N, C-alpha and C. Protein backbone atom coordinates (compact mmCIF):
# COMPACT_ATOMS: atom_id res chain seq x y z
N MET A 1 -86.57 44.60 48.77
CA MET A 1 -87.83 44.19 48.20
C MET A 1 -87.61 43.82 46.75
N ILE A 2 -88.08 42.66 46.32
CA ILE A 2 -88.00 42.27 44.93
C ILE A 2 -89.39 41.98 44.43
N LYS A 3 -89.81 42.69 43.42
CA LYS A 3 -91.12 42.47 42.84
C LYS A 3 -90.96 42.20 41.35
N ILE A 4 -91.69 41.21 40.84
CA ILE A 4 -91.64 40.86 39.43
C ILE A 4 -92.94 41.28 38.78
N LYS A 5 -92.83 41.95 37.64
CA LYS A 5 -94.03 42.32 36.90
C LYS A 5 -93.77 42.18 35.42
N LYS A 6 -94.82 42.19 34.64
CA LYS A 6 -94.71 41.96 33.21
C LYS A 6 -94.42 43.25 32.48
N GLY A 7 -93.60 43.13 31.44
CA GLY A 7 -93.38 44.25 30.52
C GLY A 7 -92.34 45.24 31.00
N ILE A 8 -92.37 46.43 30.42
CA ILE A 8 -91.38 47.46 30.68
C ILE A 8 -91.88 48.37 31.79
N ILE A 9 -90.94 48.92 32.56
CA ILE A 9 -91.31 49.76 33.68
C ILE A 9 -92.03 51.01 33.21
N GLY A 10 -92.85 51.55 34.11
CA GLY A 10 -93.58 52.77 33.79
C GLY A 10 -92.73 54.00 34.02
N GLU A 11 -93.39 55.12 34.19
CA GLU A 11 -92.65 56.36 34.39
C GLU A 11 -91.88 56.30 35.71
N PRO A 12 -90.59 56.66 35.72
CA PRO A 12 -89.80 56.62 36.94
C PRO A 12 -90.22 57.71 37.90
N SER A 13 -89.79 57.57 39.15
CA SER A 13 -90.05 58.61 40.13
C SER A 13 -89.07 59.76 39.89
N ILE A 14 -88.12 59.96 40.80
CA ILE A 14 -87.11 61.00 40.62
C ILE A 14 -85.87 60.35 40.02
N PRO A 15 -85.41 60.76 38.82
CA PRO A 15 -84.21 60.15 38.25
C PRO A 15 -83.06 60.25 39.24
N TYR A 16 -82.26 59.17 39.32
CA TYR A 16 -81.21 59.13 40.32
C TYR A 16 -80.12 60.16 40.05
N ASN A 17 -79.98 60.61 38.78
CA ASN A 17 -78.94 61.58 38.48
C ASN A 17 -79.44 63.02 38.60
N THR A 18 -80.61 63.23 39.25
CA THR A 18 -81.09 64.58 39.49
C THR A 18 -80.11 65.32 40.39
N PRO A 19 -79.66 66.53 40.00
CA PRO A 19 -78.69 67.26 40.82
C PRO A 19 -79.25 67.53 42.21
N ARG A 20 -78.45 67.28 43.24
CA ARG A 20 -78.85 67.57 44.61
C ARG A 20 -77.62 67.41 45.48
N GLU A 21 -77.69 67.95 46.67
CA GLU A 21 -76.61 67.78 47.62
C GLU A 21 -76.76 66.42 48.28
N LYS A 22 -75.71 65.64 48.25
CA LYS A 22 -75.77 64.32 48.85
C LYS A 22 -74.36 63.86 49.18
N ALA A 23 -74.16 63.37 50.41
CA ALA A 23 -72.82 62.96 50.83
C ALA A 23 -72.45 61.59 50.30
N MET A 24 -73.44 60.68 50.19
CA MET A 24 -73.18 59.32 49.72
C MET A 24 -73.49 59.20 48.24
N ALA A 25 -72.61 58.49 47.55
CA ALA A 25 -72.84 58.17 46.14
C ALA A 25 -73.06 56.67 46.00
N VAL A 26 -73.71 56.27 44.91
CA VAL A 26 -74.02 54.86 44.69
C VAL A 26 -73.65 54.47 43.27
N GLY A 27 -72.88 53.39 43.15
CA GLY A 27 -72.60 52.79 41.86
C GLY A 27 -73.34 51.48 41.78
N THR A 28 -73.78 51.10 40.59
CA THR A 28 -74.56 49.86 40.45
C THR A 28 -73.84 48.89 39.52
N GLY A 29 -74.12 47.62 39.72
CA GLY A 29 -73.52 46.59 38.89
C GLY A 29 -74.46 45.41 38.72
N ILE A 30 -74.27 44.69 37.64
CA ILE A 30 -75.02 43.45 37.39
C ILE A 30 -74.01 42.35 37.10
N TRP A 31 -74.08 41.27 37.88
CA TRP A 31 -73.27 40.08 37.60
C TRP A 31 -74.17 39.06 36.93
N LEU A 32 -73.68 38.49 35.83
CA LEU A 32 -74.46 37.51 35.09
C LEU A 32 -73.52 36.62 34.29
N ASN A 33 -73.62 35.31 34.52
CA ASN A 33 -72.83 34.32 33.77
C ASN A 33 -71.33 34.60 33.83
N GLY A 34 -70.84 34.94 35.02
CA GLY A 34 -69.41 35.12 35.21
C GLY A 34 -68.87 36.47 34.76
N LYS A 35 -69.75 37.37 34.36
CA LYS A 35 -69.32 38.71 33.93
C LYS A 35 -70.06 39.75 34.76
N VAL A 36 -69.39 40.90 34.97
CA VAL A 36 -70.01 41.97 35.74
C VAL A 36 -69.88 43.28 34.97
N LEU A 37 -70.94 44.06 34.97
CA LEU A 37 -70.96 45.37 34.31
C LEU A 37 -71.28 46.42 35.36
N TRP A 38 -70.32 47.37 35.57
CA TRP A 38 -70.50 48.44 36.54
C TRP A 38 -70.96 49.72 35.86
N ASN A 39 -71.68 50.53 36.61
CA ASN A 39 -72.11 51.84 36.11
C ASN A 39 -72.08 52.82 37.29
N PHE A 40 -71.13 53.78 37.23
CA PHE A 40 -70.96 54.70 38.34
C PHE A 40 -71.52 56.09 38.05
N ASP A 41 -72.16 56.27 36.89
CA ASP A 41 -72.87 57.53 36.68
C ASP A 41 -74.38 57.33 36.75
N ASN A 42 -74.79 56.07 37.00
CA ASN A 42 -76.19 55.73 37.26
C ASN A 42 -77.15 56.11 36.14
N LYS A 43 -76.66 56.09 34.92
CA LYS A 43 -77.57 56.15 33.79
C LYS A 43 -78.04 54.71 33.53
N GLU A 44 -78.78 54.51 32.49
CA GLU A 44 -79.29 53.17 32.23
C GLU A 44 -78.15 52.20 31.93
N THR A 45 -78.19 51.04 32.56
CA THR A 45 -77.20 49.99 32.35
C THR A 45 -77.77 48.99 31.36
N ILE A 46 -76.98 48.66 30.33
CA ILE A 46 -77.45 47.74 29.29
C ILE A 46 -76.43 46.63 29.09
N MET A 47 -76.87 45.38 29.23
CA MET A 47 -76.04 44.22 28.88
C MET A 47 -76.60 43.67 27.57
N TYR A 48 -76.01 44.12 26.46
CA TYR A 48 -76.56 43.82 25.15
C TYR A 48 -76.61 42.32 24.86
N GLU A 49 -75.51 41.61 25.14
CA GLU A 49 -75.47 40.18 24.83
C GLU A 49 -76.48 39.39 25.64
N GLU A 50 -76.71 39.82 26.88
CA GLU A 50 -77.63 39.10 27.76
C GLU A 50 -79.07 39.61 27.64
N GLN A 51 -79.26 40.72 26.93
CA GLN A 51 -80.59 41.32 26.75
C GLN A 51 -81.23 41.68 28.10
N VAL A 52 -80.41 42.32 28.95
CA VAL A 52 -80.86 42.76 30.26
C VAL A 52 -80.54 44.24 30.41
N THR A 53 -81.49 45.02 30.91
CA THR A 53 -81.26 46.44 31.18
C THR A 53 -81.67 46.77 32.61
N MET A 54 -81.11 47.88 33.12
CA MET A 54 -81.46 48.32 34.47
C MET A 54 -81.50 49.85 34.52
N ARG A 55 -82.51 50.37 35.19
CA ARG A 55 -82.60 51.80 35.47
C ARG A 55 -82.75 51.99 36.98
N VAL A 56 -82.19 53.09 37.49
CA VAL A 56 -82.25 53.39 38.92
C VAL A 56 -83.02 54.68 39.12
N THR A 57 -84.01 54.66 40.01
CA THR A 57 -84.75 55.87 40.37
C THR A 57 -84.67 56.07 41.87
N GLU A 58 -84.95 57.27 42.31
CA GLU A 58 -84.84 57.60 43.73
C GLU A 58 -86.11 58.25 44.26
N GLU A 59 -86.45 57.93 45.49
CA GLU A 59 -87.54 58.57 46.21
C GLU A 59 -87.00 59.14 47.51
N LYS A 60 -87.64 60.20 48.01
CA LYS A 60 -87.28 60.80 49.30
C LYS A 60 -88.49 60.71 50.22
N PRO A 61 -88.76 59.52 50.78
CA PRO A 61 -89.94 59.36 51.64
C PRO A 61 -89.80 60.06 52.98
N HIS A 62 -88.58 60.47 53.31
CA HIS A 62 -88.31 61.15 54.58
C HIS A 62 -87.08 62.02 54.34
N SER A 63 -86.97 63.12 55.10
CA SER A 63 -85.87 64.06 54.87
C SER A 63 -84.50 63.43 55.07
N LYS A 64 -84.44 62.33 55.83
CA LYS A 64 -83.16 61.69 56.11
C LYS A 64 -82.99 60.36 55.37
N VAL A 65 -83.94 60.03 54.50
CA VAL A 65 -83.92 58.74 53.81
C VAL A 65 -83.87 58.92 52.30
N SER A 66 -82.94 58.23 51.66
CA SER A 66 -82.90 58.14 50.20
C SER A 66 -83.20 56.69 49.83
N LEU A 67 -84.29 56.47 49.12
CA LEU A 67 -84.73 55.12 48.76
C LEU A 67 -84.49 54.91 47.27
N LEU A 68 -83.64 53.95 46.94
CA LEU A 68 -83.32 53.67 45.54
C LEU A 68 -84.10 52.46 45.06
N SER A 69 -84.64 52.57 43.85
CA SER A 69 -85.35 51.46 43.20
C SER A 69 -84.58 51.04 41.96
N TYR A 70 -84.29 49.76 41.86
CA TYR A 70 -83.54 49.21 40.73
C TYR A 70 -84.52 48.43 39.86
N HIS A 71 -84.77 48.93 38.65
CA HIS A 71 -85.69 48.29 37.72
C HIS A 71 -84.88 47.46 36.74
N VAL A 72 -84.88 46.14 36.91
CA VAL A 72 -84.07 45.24 36.08
C VAL A 72 -85.00 44.48 35.14
N ILE A 73 -84.77 44.62 33.82
CA ILE A 73 -85.68 44.06 32.83
C ILE A 73 -84.99 42.97 32.03
N ASN A 74 -85.64 41.83 31.92
CA ASN A 74 -85.16 40.72 31.09
C ASN A 74 -85.90 40.76 29.77
N HIS A 75 -85.20 41.22 28.73
CA HIS A 75 -85.83 41.34 27.41
C HIS A 75 -85.74 40.05 26.60
N SER A 76 -85.06 39.04 27.12
CA SER A 76 -84.84 37.81 26.36
C SER A 76 -86.02 36.85 26.50
N SER A 77 -85.91 35.71 25.83
CA SER A 77 -86.96 34.70 25.88
C SER A 77 -86.66 33.60 26.91
N LYS A 78 -85.60 33.79 27.72
CA LYS A 78 -85.23 32.81 28.72
C LYS A 78 -85.08 33.48 30.08
N GLU A 79 -85.30 32.72 31.15
CA GLU A 79 -85.11 33.25 32.49
C GLU A 79 -83.64 33.57 32.74
N LYS A 80 -83.38 34.65 33.48
CA LYS A 80 -82.01 35.06 33.80
C LYS A 80 -81.79 34.99 35.31
N GLN A 81 -80.70 34.33 35.71
CA GLN A 81 -80.27 34.30 37.10
C GLN A 81 -79.11 35.27 37.26
N LEU A 82 -79.28 36.29 38.08
CA LEU A 82 -78.24 37.32 38.17
C LEU A 82 -78.04 37.78 39.60
N LYS A 83 -76.99 38.58 39.80
CA LYS A 83 -76.70 39.19 41.09
C LYS A 83 -76.66 40.70 40.88
N LEU A 84 -77.48 41.41 41.64
CA LEU A 84 -77.50 42.87 41.57
C LEU A 84 -76.55 43.41 42.63
N LEU A 85 -75.73 44.40 42.25
CA LEU A 85 -74.73 44.97 43.14
C LEU A 85 -75.00 46.45 43.36
N SER A 86 -74.90 46.90 44.61
CA SER A 86 -75.09 48.30 44.96
C SER A 86 -73.90 48.75 45.80
N MET A 87 -73.04 49.61 45.21
CA MET A 87 -71.82 50.08 45.87
C MET A 87 -72.06 51.47 46.45
N ASN A 88 -72.01 51.60 47.77
CA ASN A 88 -72.33 52.85 48.47
C ASN A 88 -71.06 53.42 49.09
N TYR A 89 -70.71 54.65 48.73
CA TYR A 89 -69.44 55.22 49.19
C TYR A 89 -69.58 56.73 49.37
N LEU A 90 -68.69 57.30 50.19
CA LEU A 90 -68.70 58.73 50.47
C LEU A 90 -68.15 59.48 49.26
N LYS A 91 -68.84 60.55 48.87
CA LYS A 91 -68.42 61.31 47.68
C LYS A 91 -67.11 62.06 47.92
N THR A 92 -66.85 62.48 49.16
CA THR A 92 -65.64 63.21 49.50
C THR A 92 -64.69 62.32 50.29
N ILE A 93 -63.43 62.26 49.87
CA ILE A 93 -62.44 61.44 50.57
C ILE A 93 -62.12 62.06 51.93
N ARG A 94 -62.22 61.24 52.99
CA ARG A 94 -61.92 61.70 54.35
C ARG A 94 -61.10 60.64 55.06
N ARG A 95 -60.04 61.07 55.74
CA ARG A 95 -59.19 60.14 56.46
C ARG A 95 -59.89 59.53 57.66
N ASP A 96 -60.88 60.24 58.22
CA ASP A 96 -61.56 59.73 59.41
C ASP A 96 -62.78 58.88 59.06
N HIS A 97 -62.94 58.55 57.78
CA HIS A 97 -64.09 57.76 57.33
C HIS A 97 -63.87 56.30 57.71
N PHE A 98 -64.85 55.73 58.41
CA PHE A 98 -64.78 54.35 58.89
C PHE A 98 -66.13 53.68 58.64
N ALA A 99 -66.12 52.44 58.19
CA ALA A 99 -67.36 51.71 57.93
C ALA A 99 -67.28 50.31 58.53
N PHE A 100 -68.43 49.81 58.96
CA PHE A 100 -68.45 48.48 59.56
C PHE A 100 -69.84 47.87 59.43
N ILE A 101 -69.88 46.54 59.45
CA ILE A 101 -71.14 45.80 59.48
C ILE A 101 -71.48 45.51 60.94
N SER A 102 -72.69 45.87 61.35
CA SER A 102 -73.13 45.66 62.72
C SER A 102 -74.01 44.41 62.78
N PRO A 103 -73.50 43.28 63.33
CA PRO A 103 -74.33 42.08 63.45
C PRO A 103 -75.56 42.31 64.32
N ALA A 104 -75.43 43.14 65.34
CA ALA A 104 -76.56 43.39 66.25
C ALA A 104 -77.70 44.09 65.54
N ASP A 105 -77.36 45.04 64.64
CA ASP A 105 -78.39 45.78 63.91
C ASP A 105 -78.65 45.20 62.53
N ASP A 106 -77.84 44.21 62.13
CA ASP A 106 -78.01 43.54 60.84
C ASP A 106 -77.98 44.53 59.68
N THR A 107 -77.01 45.45 59.73
CA THR A 107 -76.87 46.45 58.68
C THR A 107 -75.46 47.01 58.74
N SER A 108 -75.13 47.97 57.86
CA SER A 108 -73.80 48.58 57.88
C SER A 108 -73.90 50.07 58.17
N PHE A 109 -72.84 50.60 58.80
CA PHE A 109 -72.78 52.01 59.15
C PHE A 109 -71.51 52.63 58.56
N HIS A 110 -71.62 53.91 58.18
CA HIS A 110 -70.46 54.71 57.78
C HIS A 110 -70.36 55.88 58.75
N LEU A 111 -69.16 56.12 59.29
CA LEU A 111 -68.91 57.22 60.21
C LEU A 111 -67.85 58.13 59.59
N ALA A 112 -68.17 59.42 59.50
CA ALA A 112 -67.23 60.39 58.95
C ALA A 112 -67.41 61.70 59.70
N GLY A 113 -66.51 61.98 60.64
CA GLY A 113 -66.68 63.16 61.47
C GLY A 113 -67.94 63.03 62.32
N ASP A 114 -68.81 64.04 62.26
CA ASP A 114 -70.07 63.97 63.01
C ASP A 114 -71.21 63.42 62.17
N GLN A 115 -70.89 62.92 60.99
CA GLN A 115 -71.90 62.34 60.11
C GLN A 115 -71.97 60.83 60.27
N MET A 116 -73.19 60.30 60.18
CA MET A 116 -73.41 58.86 60.25
C MET A 116 -74.41 58.45 59.17
N PHE A 117 -74.11 57.33 58.51
CA PHE A 117 -74.99 56.82 57.46
C PHE A 117 -75.24 55.34 57.68
N MET A 118 -76.48 54.92 57.47
CA MET A 118 -76.84 53.51 57.50
C MET A 118 -77.23 53.08 56.11
N ILE A 119 -76.69 51.93 55.67
CA ILE A 119 -76.98 51.38 54.34
C ILE A 119 -77.72 50.06 54.52
N ASN A 120 -78.87 49.92 53.86
CA ASN A 120 -79.64 48.69 54.03
C ASN A 120 -80.57 48.47 52.85
N GLY A 121 -81.31 47.38 52.88
CA GLY A 121 -82.26 47.04 51.84
C GLY A 121 -83.03 45.80 52.23
N GLN A 122 -83.94 45.39 51.37
CA GLN A 122 -84.78 44.23 51.68
C GLN A 122 -85.26 43.58 50.39
N THR A 123 -85.41 42.26 50.43
CA THR A 123 -85.94 41.55 49.28
C THR A 123 -87.45 41.40 49.39
N GLU A 124 -88.06 40.91 48.33
CA GLU A 124 -89.52 40.75 48.30
C GLU A 124 -90.03 39.85 49.41
N THR A 125 -89.24 38.82 49.75
CA THR A 125 -89.67 37.86 50.76
C THR A 125 -89.30 38.31 52.18
N GLY A 126 -88.74 39.53 52.30
CA GLY A 126 -88.34 40.01 53.61
C GLY A 126 -86.91 39.65 53.96
N GLY A 127 -86.21 39.00 53.03
CA GLY A 127 -84.82 38.64 53.27
C GLY A 127 -83.90 39.84 53.15
N LYS A 128 -82.69 39.68 53.65
CA LYS A 128 -81.72 40.77 53.64
C LYS A 128 -80.79 40.67 52.44
N TRP A 129 -80.33 41.83 52.00
CA TRP A 129 -79.24 41.86 51.04
C TRP A 129 -77.97 41.37 51.76
N GLU A 130 -77.09 40.69 51.03
CA GLU A 130 -75.78 40.37 51.57
C GLU A 130 -74.92 41.63 51.52
N SER A 131 -74.02 41.79 52.48
CA SER A 131 -73.19 43.00 52.50
C SER A 131 -71.75 42.68 52.87
N THR A 132 -70.84 43.51 52.37
CA THR A 132 -69.43 43.44 52.70
C THR A 132 -68.87 44.85 52.60
N ILE A 133 -67.77 45.11 53.31
CA ILE A 133 -67.12 46.42 53.29
C ILE A 133 -65.82 46.30 52.49
N VAL A 134 -65.61 47.22 51.55
CA VAL A 134 -64.42 47.16 50.71
C VAL A 134 -63.77 48.54 50.63
N PRO A 135 -62.43 48.61 50.50
CA PRO A 135 -61.77 49.89 50.25
C PRO A 135 -62.23 50.44 48.91
N SER A 136 -62.50 51.74 48.84
CA SER A 136 -63.09 52.31 47.62
C SER A 136 -62.18 52.19 46.41
N TRP A 137 -60.85 52.13 46.63
CA TRP A 137 -59.95 52.09 45.48
C TRP A 137 -59.93 50.73 44.76
N ILE A 138 -60.55 49.72 45.34
CA ILE A 138 -60.66 48.44 44.64
C ILE A 138 -62.11 48.05 44.38
N MET A 139 -63.05 48.99 44.57
CA MET A 139 -64.46 48.61 44.61
C MET A 139 -65.02 48.11 43.29
N ASN A 140 -64.42 48.47 42.15
CA ASN A 140 -64.93 47.94 40.89
C ASN A 140 -63.89 47.05 40.21
N SER A 141 -63.00 46.45 41.01
CA SER A 141 -61.97 45.57 40.47
C SER A 141 -62.28 44.12 40.83
N GLU A 142 -61.49 43.20 40.29
CA GLU A 142 -61.70 41.78 40.56
C GLU A 142 -61.28 41.41 41.98
N GLN A 143 -60.62 42.33 42.69
CA GLN A 143 -60.15 42.04 44.04
C GLN A 143 -61.29 41.87 45.04
N ILE A 144 -62.49 42.32 44.69
CA ILE A 144 -63.63 42.19 45.61
C ILE A 144 -64.26 40.80 45.54
N TRP A 145 -63.84 39.99 44.57
CA TRP A 145 -64.47 38.70 44.33
C TRP A 145 -63.64 37.55 44.90
N ALA A 146 -64.31 36.62 45.60
CA ALA A 146 -63.70 35.34 45.94
C ALA A 146 -63.71 34.45 44.71
N SER A 147 -64.78 34.57 43.91
CA SER A 147 -64.88 33.88 42.63
C SER A 147 -65.78 34.68 41.72
N LEU A 148 -65.18 35.37 40.75
CA LEU A 148 -65.97 36.13 39.79
C LEU A 148 -66.79 35.19 38.92
N GLU A 149 -66.23 34.06 38.59
CA GLU A 149 -66.94 33.09 37.73
C GLU A 149 -68.23 32.61 38.37
N LYS A 150 -68.20 32.39 39.70
CA LYS A 150 -69.37 31.90 40.42
C LYS A 150 -70.20 33.02 41.05
N GLY A 151 -69.70 34.25 40.97
CA GLY A 151 -70.43 35.37 41.55
C GLY A 151 -70.36 35.43 43.06
N ILE A 152 -69.24 34.97 43.65
CA ILE A 152 -69.07 34.94 45.09
C ILE A 152 -68.15 36.09 45.51
N LEU A 153 -68.67 36.99 46.36
CA LEU A 153 -67.89 38.13 46.84
C LEU A 153 -67.08 37.77 48.07
N LYS A 154 -65.93 38.45 48.26
CA LYS A 154 -65.17 38.31 49.49
C LYS A 154 -65.93 39.02 50.61
N TYR A 155 -65.84 38.47 51.81
CA TYR A 155 -66.50 39.12 52.95
C TYR A 155 -65.48 39.84 53.81
N GLN A 156 -65.76 41.10 54.12
CA GLN A 156 -64.93 41.91 55.01
C GLN A 156 -65.87 42.75 55.87
N PRO A 157 -65.81 42.63 57.19
CA PRO A 157 -66.78 43.31 58.05
C PRO A 157 -66.48 44.77 58.34
N THR A 158 -65.26 45.23 58.09
CA THR A 158 -64.91 46.60 58.42
C THR A 158 -63.76 47.11 57.57
N ALA A 159 -63.67 48.42 57.41
CA ALA A 159 -62.57 49.05 56.68
C ALA A 159 -62.57 50.53 57.00
N LYS A 160 -61.40 51.19 56.84
CA LYS A 160 -61.31 52.63 57.05
C LYS A 160 -60.51 53.25 55.92
N GLY A 161 -60.55 54.60 55.84
CA GLY A 161 -59.85 55.28 54.77
C GLY A 161 -60.65 55.33 53.49
N ASN A 162 -61.88 55.81 53.60
CA ASN A 162 -62.79 55.92 52.46
C ASN A 162 -63.29 54.57 51.95
N PRO A 163 -63.88 53.77 52.81
CA PRO A 163 -64.43 52.47 52.41
C PRO A 163 -65.79 52.59 51.74
N ALA A 164 -66.28 51.48 51.22
CA ALA A 164 -67.59 51.42 50.58
C ALA A 164 -68.35 50.21 51.11
N THR A 165 -69.66 50.35 51.21
CA THR A 165 -70.52 49.21 51.52
C THR A 165 -71.02 48.62 50.21
N LEU A 166 -70.77 47.34 50.00
CA LEU A 166 -71.23 46.65 48.80
C LEU A 166 -72.37 45.72 49.17
N LEU A 167 -73.57 46.02 48.67
CA LEU A 167 -74.73 45.16 48.86
C LEU A 167 -74.92 44.29 47.63
N SER A 168 -75.38 43.08 47.83
CA SER A 168 -75.64 42.19 46.69
C SER A 168 -76.90 41.38 46.95
N ALA A 169 -77.66 41.15 45.89
CA ALA A 169 -78.88 40.35 45.97
C ALA A 169 -78.96 39.46 44.73
N SER A 170 -79.20 38.18 44.92
CA SER A 170 -79.31 37.23 43.82
C SER A 170 -80.76 36.85 43.61
N PHE A 171 -81.19 36.83 42.36
CA PHE A 171 -82.58 36.46 42.06
C PHE A 171 -82.69 36.11 40.58
N GLY A 172 -83.82 35.52 40.23
CA GLY A 172 -84.10 35.17 38.84
C GLY A 172 -85.20 36.06 38.28
N ILE A 173 -85.10 36.35 36.98
CA ILE A 173 -86.13 37.14 36.30
C ILE A 173 -86.66 36.32 35.12
N PRO A 174 -87.94 35.96 35.12
CA PRO A 174 -88.50 35.22 33.98
C PRO A 174 -88.42 36.04 32.70
N ALA A 175 -88.53 35.35 31.57
CA ALA A 175 -88.48 36.01 30.27
C ALA A 175 -89.54 37.10 30.15
N GLY A 176 -89.13 38.27 29.66
CA GLY A 176 -90.06 39.36 29.43
C GLY A 176 -90.57 40.06 30.66
N MET A 177 -89.94 39.81 31.82
CA MET A 177 -90.43 40.38 33.07
C MET A 177 -89.45 41.41 33.63
N THR A 178 -89.93 42.19 34.61
CA THR A 178 -89.15 43.22 35.27
C THR A 178 -89.07 42.93 36.77
N ALA A 179 -87.87 43.01 37.34
CA ALA A 179 -87.69 42.89 38.79
C ALA A 179 -87.48 44.28 39.37
N LEU A 180 -88.17 44.58 40.45
CA LEU A 180 -88.02 45.85 41.16
C LEU A 180 -87.40 45.57 42.52
N VAL A 181 -86.19 46.08 42.74
CA VAL A 181 -85.43 45.83 43.96
C VAL A 181 -85.09 47.17 44.61
N ARG A 182 -85.10 47.24 45.94
CA ARG A 182 -84.87 48.52 46.61
C ARG A 182 -83.80 48.44 47.70
N THR A 183 -83.05 49.54 47.83
CA THR A 183 -82.14 49.75 48.95
C THR A 183 -82.35 51.17 49.45
N TRP A 184 -81.77 51.49 50.62
CA TRP A 184 -81.90 52.84 51.13
C TRP A 184 -80.68 53.26 51.94
N THR A 185 -80.48 54.58 51.98
CA THR A 185 -79.46 55.21 52.82
C THR A 185 -80.16 56.14 53.79
N ILE A 186 -79.81 56.03 55.07
CA ILE A 186 -80.38 56.90 56.10
C ILE A 186 -79.23 57.72 56.69
N ALA A 187 -79.39 59.04 56.71
CA ALA A 187 -78.34 59.94 57.18
C ALA A 187 -78.74 60.62 58.48
N GLY A 188 -77.76 60.88 59.34
CA GLY A 188 -78.04 61.58 60.59
C GLY A 188 -76.82 61.60 61.47
N SER A 189 -77.02 61.91 62.73
CA SER A 189 -75.92 61.95 63.69
C SER A 189 -76.21 61.11 64.93
N ASP A 190 -77.41 60.55 65.00
CA ASP A 190 -77.82 59.74 66.15
C ASP A 190 -78.13 58.32 65.70
N LYS A 191 -77.40 57.35 66.21
CA LYS A 191 -77.57 55.96 65.78
C LYS A 191 -78.97 55.45 66.07
N ASN A 192 -79.51 55.78 67.23
CA ASN A 192 -80.84 55.28 67.59
C ASN A 192 -81.90 55.75 66.60
N GLU A 193 -81.78 57.00 66.15
CA GLU A 193 -82.74 57.51 65.18
C GLU A 193 -82.62 56.75 63.86
N LEU A 194 -81.38 56.49 63.43
CA LEU A 194 -81.17 55.75 62.19
C LEU A 194 -81.75 54.35 62.29
N VAL A 195 -81.52 53.69 63.41
CA VAL A 195 -82.03 52.33 63.61
C VAL A 195 -83.55 52.33 63.61
N ASN A 196 -84.17 53.32 64.25
CA ASN A 196 -85.63 53.39 64.29
C ASN A 196 -86.21 53.60 62.88
N LEU A 197 -85.61 54.49 62.11
CA LEU A 197 -86.09 54.72 60.74
C LEU A 197 -85.91 53.46 59.89
N ASN A 198 -84.79 52.78 60.09
CA ASN A 198 -84.54 51.54 59.35
C ASN A 198 -85.59 50.48 59.69
N ASN A 199 -85.93 50.36 60.95
CA ASN A 199 -86.93 49.37 61.36
C ASN A 199 -88.30 49.67 60.76
N VAL A 200 -88.64 50.95 60.67
CA VAL A 200 -89.91 51.32 60.05
C VAL A 200 -89.92 50.92 58.58
N LEU A 201 -88.81 51.18 57.87
CA LEU A 201 -88.74 50.81 56.46
C LEU A 201 -88.82 49.31 56.27
N LEU A 202 -88.15 48.55 57.13
CA LEU A 202 -88.18 47.10 57.04
C LEU A 202 -89.59 46.55 57.27
N LYS A 203 -90.32 47.18 58.18
CA LYS A 203 -91.67 46.69 58.51
C LYS A 203 -92.71 47.13 57.49
N ASN A 204 -92.59 48.36 57.01
CA ASN A 204 -93.63 48.88 56.13
C ASN A 204 -93.13 50.10 55.39
N ARG A 205 -92.76 49.94 54.12
CA ARG A 205 -92.27 51.07 53.35
C ARG A 205 -93.35 52.11 53.12
N LEU A 206 -94.62 51.70 53.16
CA LEU A 206 -95.71 52.64 52.94
C LEU A 206 -95.90 53.58 54.13
N ALA A 207 -95.14 53.34 55.21
CA ALA A 207 -95.19 54.27 56.33
C ALA A 207 -94.62 55.62 55.95
N PHE A 208 -93.85 55.68 54.86
CA PHE A 208 -93.33 56.93 54.35
C PHE A 208 -93.97 57.20 53.00
N PRO A 209 -95.18 57.77 52.95
CA PRO A 209 -95.84 58.01 51.67
C PRO A 209 -95.04 58.98 50.82
N ILE A 210 -95.03 58.74 49.51
CA ILE A 210 -94.30 59.60 48.59
C ILE A 210 -95.13 60.85 48.29
N LYS A 211 -94.49 62.01 48.45
CA LYS A 211 -95.18 63.26 48.17
C LYS A 211 -95.27 63.49 46.67
N LYS A 212 -96.45 63.81 46.19
CA LYS A 212 -96.67 64.06 44.76
C LYS A 212 -96.39 65.52 44.43
């Protein structure tokens, strides 16, 4: 989901760096004008020269769902065309960790022992994030790019040995505006349950009201 609004974001929901037990970790990146800035501790990301900032907040609309909101702000006087990157990887290294993109379900899955995770997201117009699977040891290097200058990622449908799902979404932000983009991770042990929860989120995020 991508939403544009005027000014600076309001009070965040749950800060993404709130201590909690979680098997999947997320690193964020912004590609802009041939340069990329990664942030793997998920504090505020600032591109000083481009006058762009990003904050990540998290909601728990369901016990098995982690919903991340990326608040990207264009502080400059010109529109910015950028690519938002979301790197999703297992916090603990496991030899039996395997990840793949499922064309049938139009999403990616991570399998580690009896654990299963689905990684997905949606744009404002209902479009899908682009996704690729990369080995975690190259996930923030130039090896993931077919063209860093043009912002084109290499495509790989599967990987094992602690892989990561890399989601990317390209959009423009008018001067002085904020873009709100969301992704989610669904955890469980039954694929059908994960697919059903994903379909509900794709159809209507308000189906999971946020508890105050």
